[in-house]
Amino acid sequence: MTQYEQELADLKTHDEVQGTEVCRYSGLPFIYTAGHGYLVVPKTRNSYNVAVKLCNYGYKGKLACYLEEDCEAPEYLKALGLI
């Protein structure tokens, strides 16, 4: 389990992490849980502040911001001009 998968599992204890892929648009990790998916924006990323501003339904952890797949992740990718 990656450090991001572990942090998300700790933040979302009721939903089991199923795996990780790489987002084809941003190259960032994308974590799947049993019920949802999250784009991982590490705190070390220059665009982290953009992710934090968009994060209302996802999770803000110590390592990263976890943007939910339906609204926040696409808004983040649009804000960066990636889609």
Protein backbone atom coordinates (compact mmCIF):
# COMPACT_ATOMS: atom_id res chain seq x y z
CA MET A 1 0.00 0.00 0.00
CA THR A 2 1.41 3.43 -0.95
CA GLN A 3 1.69 6.23 1.59
CA TYR A 4 -1.22 8.00 -0.14
CA GLU A 5 -3.38 4.87 -0.09
CA GLN A 6 -2.64 4.46 3.61
CA GLU A 7 -3.46 8.08 4.39
CA LEU A 8 -6.75 7.87 2.47
CA ALA A 9 -7.59 4.61 4.26
CA ASP A 10 -6.95 6.39 7.57
CA LEU A 11 -9.11 9.36 6.53
CA LYS A 12 -11.88 7.17 5.11
CA THR A 13 -11.92 4.22 7.48
CA HIS A 14 -15.35 2.99 6.30
CA ASP A 15 -14.28 2.57 2.65
CA GLU A 16 -11.62 0.05 1.61
CA VAL A 17 -8.90 1.12 -0.85
CA GLN A 18 -9.01 -1.06 -3.97
CA GLY A 19 -5.98 0.23 -5.87
CA THR A 20 -4.10 3.05 -7.57
CA GLU A 21 -3.63 4.15 -11.18
CA VAL A 22 -1.91 7.12 -12.75
CA CYS A 23 -4.13 9.88 -14.10
CA ARG A 24 -3.44 10.13 -17.84
CA TYR A 25 -4.01 13.90 -17.86
CA SER A 26 -1.86 14.96 -14.92
CA GLY A 27 0.41 12.01 -14.11
CA LEU A 28 -0.85 12.14 -10.53
CA PRO A 29 -1.98 9.08 -8.57
CA PHE A 30 -5.67 8.20 -8.71
CA ILE A 31 -6.93 6.01 -5.86
CA TYR A 32 -9.98 3.78 -6.13
CA THR A 33 -11.94 2.80 -3.06
CA ALA A 34 -14.88 0.43 -2.83
CA GLY A 35 -17.24 3.38 -3.29
CA HIS A 36 -15.38 6.22 -5.01
CA GLY A 37 -12.21 7.49 -6.65
CA TYR A 38 -9.84 10.30 -5.72
CA LEU A 39 -7.18 12.27 -7.57
CA VAL A 40 -4.19 12.71 -5.26
CA VAL A 41 -2.51 16.13 -5.29
CA PRO A 42 0.60 15.99 -3.06
CA LYS A 43 1.49 18.97 -0.87
CA THR A 44 4.77 19.17 -2.79
CA ARG A 45 2.94 19.96 -6.04
CA ASN A 46 2.94 23.63 -7.12
CA SER A 47 -0.80 23.44 -7.81
CA TYR A 48 -1.63 22.11 -4.32
CA ASN A 49 -3.27 25.44 -3.34
CA VAL A 50 -5.64 25.11 -6.30
CA ALA A 51 -6.62 21.63 -5.09
CA VAL A 52 -7.24 22.82 -1.53
CA LYS A 53 -9.56 25.57 -2.73
CA LEU A 54 -11.60 23.06 -4.77
CA CYS A 55 -11.74 20.37 -2.08
CA ASN A 56 -15.21 20.37 -0.50
CA TYR A 57 -16.22 16.70 -0.80
CA GLY A 58 -12.80 15.03 -0.88
CA TYR A 59 -10.24 14.94 1.89
CA LYS A 60 -7.35 17.12 3.03
CA GLY A 61 -4.65 14.98 4.56
CA LYS A 62 -1.17 15.58 5.93
CA LEU A 63 0.49 14.34 2.71
CA ALA A 64 -1.96 15.42 0.01
CA CYS A 65 -5.36 16.67 -1.01
CA TYR A 66 -7.71 13.91 -2.27
CA LEU A 67 -10.11 15.33 -4.87
CA GLU A 68 -13.26 13.30 -5.50
CA GLU A 69 -13.65 12.02 -9.04
CA ASP A 70 -17.05 13.47 -10.00
CA CYS A 71 -16.60 17.21 -9.56
CA GLU A 72 -13.38 18.26 -7.86
CA ALA A 73 -10.87 16.30 -9.95
CA PRO A 74 -12.28 17.54 -13.31
CA GLU A 75 -12.43 21.12 -11.98
CA TYR A 76 -8.79 20.85 -10.91
CA LEU A 77 -7.71 19.50 -14.30
CA LYS A 78 -9.65 22.28 -16.08
CA ALA A 79 -8.11 24.93 -13.82
CA LEU A 80 -4.66 23.71 -14.87
CA GLY A 81 -5.65 23.60 -18.55
CA LEU A 82 -5.13 19.83 -18.77
CA ILE A 83 -8.63 19.06 -20.08
